[in-house]
């Protein structure tokens, strides 16, 4: 499964840390962070269920922080 989204550059450090933590916990995911001055495109791919879990967690985090 592949999931793609954009995020403002100020959020990228938090997103990167979260994805590293997920991979450390054993999730079979890979990601690519695009380049950009104001926003960056993220592509997450890997095991279907693991990608879904990451997407759900990112969505929940964005709602809790009034980003969505």
N, C-alpha and C. Protein backbone atom coordinates (compact mmCIF):
# COMPACT_ATOMS: atom_id res chain seq x y z
N UNK A 1 0.85 -1.18 0.00
CA UNK A 1 0.00 0.00 0.00
C UNK A 1 0.89 1.24 0.00
N UNK A 2 0.42 2.28 -0.67
CA UNK A 2 1.14 3.55 -0.74
C UNK A 2 0.18 4.66 -0.33
N UNK A 3 0.65 5.56 0.52
CA UNK A 3 -0.14 6.71 0.97
C UNK A 3 0.71 7.96 0.77
N UNK A 4 0.11 9.00 0.22
CA UNK A 4 0.82 10.25 -0.05
C UNK A 4 0.06 11.42 0.55
N UNK A 5 0.78 12.35 1.18
CA UNK A 5 0.15 13.55 1.74
C UNK A 5 1.16 14.67 1.78
N UNK A 6 0.66 15.88 2.00
CA UNK A 6 1.52 17.05 2.12
C UNK A 6 1.42 17.61 3.54
N UNK A 7 2.53 18.15 4.02
CA UNK A 7 2.56 18.75 5.35
C UNK A 7 3.46 19.98 5.32
N UNK A 8 3.10 20.95 6.12
CA UNK A 8 3.92 22.15 6.23
C UNK A 8 5.29 21.82 6.81
N UNK A 9 6.27 22.58 6.42
CA UNK A 9 7.65 22.29 6.80
C UNK A 9 7.85 22.31 8.32
N UNK A 10 7.07 23.09 9.06
CA UNK A 10 7.21 23.14 10.51
C UNK A 10 6.77 21.86 11.20
N UNK A 11 5.98 21.04 10.52
CA UNK A 11 5.51 19.77 11.09
C UNK A 11 6.39 18.59 10.74
N UNK A 12 7.31 18.78 9.82
CA UNK A 12 8.08 17.65 9.28
C UNK A 12 8.93 16.94 10.33
N UNK A 13 9.50 17.66 11.25
CA UNK A 13 10.30 17.02 12.30
C UNK A 13 9.47 16.08 13.15
N UNK A 14 8.26 16.50 13.50
CA UNK A 14 7.38 15.65 14.30
C UNK A 14 6.94 14.42 13.52
N UNK A 15 6.63 14.61 12.26
CA UNK A 15 6.22 13.49 11.41
C UNK A 15 7.37 12.51 11.26
N UNK A 16 8.56 13.01 11.00
CA UNK A 16 9.75 12.16 10.84
C UNK A 16 10.01 11.35 12.11
N UNK A 17 9.93 12.00 13.28
CA UNK A 17 10.13 11.29 14.55
C UNK A 17 9.08 10.20 14.75
N UNK A 18 7.83 10.51 14.43
CA UNK A 18 6.75 9.53 14.57
C UNK A 18 7.00 8.32 13.67
N UNK A 19 7.38 8.55 12.42
CA UNK A 19 7.62 7.45 11.49
C UNK A 19 8.82 6.61 11.92
N UNK A 20 9.86 7.25 12.43
CA UNK A 20 11.01 6.51 12.96
C UNK A 20 10.59 5.63 14.13
N UNK A 21 9.75 6.16 15.00
CA UNK A 21 9.25 5.41 16.15
C UNK A 21 8.43 4.20 15.70
N UNK A 22 7.60 4.39 14.70
CA UNK A 22 6.80 3.28 14.17
C UNK A 22 7.70 2.18 13.62
N UNK A 23 8.70 2.57 12.88
CA UNK A 23 9.61 1.58 12.32
C UNK A 23 10.41 0.88 13.42
N UNK A 24 10.81 1.63 14.45
CA UNK A 24 11.53 1.05 15.58
C UNK A 24 10.68 0.00 16.30
N UNK A 25 9.36 0.26 16.35
CA UNK A 25 8.45 -0.68 17.01
C UNK A 25 8.15 -1.90 16.15
N UNK A 26 8.73 -1.98 14.96
CA UNK A 26 8.61 -3.17 14.14
C UNK A 26 7.66 -3.07 12.96
N UNK A 27 7.11 -1.90 12.71
CA UNK A 27 6.22 -1.75 11.57
C UNK A 27 7.02 -1.82 10.27
N UNK A 28 6.46 -2.51 9.29
CA UNK A 28 7.10 -2.68 8.00
C UNK A 28 6.69 -1.53 7.08
N UNK A 29 7.33 -0.37 7.30
CA UNK A 29 7.02 0.82 6.48
C UNK A 29 8.32 1.45 6.00
N UNK A 30 8.20 2.18 4.91
CA UNK A 30 9.27 3.01 4.39
C UNK A 30 8.62 4.33 4.01
N UNK A 31 9.38 5.40 4.00
CA UNK A 31 8.82 6.66 3.58
C UNK A 31 9.86 7.50 2.86
N UNK A 32 9.33 8.46 2.11
CA UNK A 32 10.16 9.42 1.42
C UNK A 32 9.61 10.80 1.72
N UNK A 33 10.48 11.68 2.12
CA UNK A 33 10.12 13.07 2.40
C UNK A 33 10.61 13.92 1.25
N UNK A 34 9.68 14.59 0.60
CA UNK A 34 10.05 15.46 -0.52
C UNK A 34 10.74 16.72 -0.04
N UNK A 35 11.12 17.54 -0.97
CA UNK A 35 11.78 18.81 -0.66
C UNK A 35 10.82 19.96 -0.92
N UNK A 36 10.95 21.00 -0.14
CA UNK A 36 10.13 22.18 -0.35
C UNK A 36 10.39 23.21 0.72
N UNK A 37 10.16 24.46 0.38
CA UNK A 37 10.39 25.55 1.32
C UNK A 37 9.25 25.69 2.32
N UNK A 38 8.02 25.49 1.87
CA UNK A 38 6.86 25.74 2.73
C UNK A 38 6.10 24.47 3.08
N UNK A 39 6.08 23.52 2.16
CA UNK A 39 5.42 22.25 2.42
C UNK A 39 6.17 21.15 1.71
N UNK A 40 5.99 19.94 2.22
CA UNK A 40 6.69 18.79 1.65
C UNK A 40 5.70 17.66 1.42
N UNK A 41 5.96 16.91 0.37
CA UNK A 41 5.14 15.75 0.06
C UNK A 41 5.78 14.53 0.71
N UNK A 42 4.96 13.76 1.41
CA UNK A 42 5.40 12.53 2.07
C UNK A 42 4.77 11.36 1.36
N UNK A 43 5.55 10.30 1.17
CA UNK A 43 5.04 9.06 0.60
C UNK A 43 5.41 7.96 1.58
N UNK A 44 4.40 7.25 2.07
CA UNK A 44 4.60 6.13 3.00
C UNK A 44 4.15 4.87 2.29
N UNK A 45 4.99 3.84 2.33
CA UNK A 45 4.62 2.59 1.70
C UNK A 45 5.09 1.43 2.56
N UNK A 46 4.50 0.26 2.30
CA UNK A 46 4.89 -0.92 3.06
C UNK A 46 3.72 -1.86 3.25
N UNK A 47 3.78 -2.62 4.32
CA UNK A 47 2.73 -3.56 4.68
C UNK A 47 1.40 -2.83 4.77
N UNK A 48 0.37 -3.38 4.11
CA UNK A 48 -0.93 -2.70 4.05
C UNK A 48 -1.47 -2.33 5.43
N UNK A 49 -1.47 -3.27 6.36
CA UNK A 49 -2.04 -2.99 7.68
C UNK A 49 -1.20 -1.98 8.44
N UNK A 50 0.10 -2.05 8.33
CA UNK A 50 0.96 -1.09 9.02
C UNK A 50 0.79 0.32 8.47
N UNK A 51 0.68 0.44 7.16
CA UNK A 51 0.45 1.77 6.56
C UNK A 51 -0.90 2.31 7.03
N UNK A 52 -1.92 1.46 7.07
CA UNK A 52 -3.24 1.92 7.56
C UNK A 52 -3.15 2.40 9.01
N UNK A 53 -2.42 1.70 9.85
CA UNK A 53 -2.27 2.11 11.24
C UNK A 53 -1.58 3.48 11.34
N UNK A 54 -0.55 3.67 10.54
CA UNK A 54 0.17 4.94 10.54
C UNK A 54 -0.74 6.06 10.05
N UNK A 55 -1.48 5.82 8.99
CA UNK A 55 -2.38 6.83 8.45
C UNK A 55 -3.45 7.20 9.47
N UNK A 56 -4.03 6.21 10.13
CA UNK A 56 -5.04 6.49 11.17
C UNK A 56 -4.44 7.33 12.29
N UNK A 57 -3.24 6.98 12.73
CA UNK A 57 -2.60 7.73 13.82
C UNK A 57 -2.28 9.16 13.39
N UNK A 58 -1.79 9.35 12.17
CA UNK A 58 -1.51 10.70 11.67
C UNK A 58 -2.80 11.52 11.56
N UNK A 59 -3.86 10.89 11.08
CA UNK A 59 -5.14 11.59 10.95
C UNK A 59 -5.67 12.01 12.33
N UNK A 60 -5.60 11.09 13.28
CA UNK A 60 -6.06 11.40 14.64
C UNK A 60 -5.24 12.54 15.24
N UNK A 61 -3.93 12.50 15.05
CA UNK A 61 -3.04 13.54 15.55
C UNK A 61 -3.37 14.90 14.92
N UNK A 62 -3.65 14.89 13.62
CA UNK A 62 -3.97 16.15 12.94
C UNK A 62 -5.29 16.74 13.43
N UNK A 63 -6.27 15.90 13.72
CA UNK A 63 -7.54 16.39 14.24
C UNK A 63 -7.37 16.93 15.67
N UNK A 64 -6.65 16.17 16.50
CA UNK A 64 -6.43 16.61 17.89
C UNK A 64 -5.70 17.95 17.97
N UNK A 65 -4.85 18.21 16.99
CA UNK A 65 -4.08 19.45 16.98
C UNK A 65 -4.67 20.51 16.04
N UNK A 66 -5.92 20.26 15.61
CA UNK A 66 -6.65 21.20 14.76
C UNK A 66 -5.88 21.55 13.49
N UNK A 67 -5.29 20.53 12.86
CA UNK A 67 -4.53 20.72 11.64
C UNK A 67 -5.31 20.25 10.41
N UNK A 68 -6.37 19.49 10.65
CA UNK A 68 -7.16 18.95 9.53
C UNK A 68 -8.45 19.71 9.39
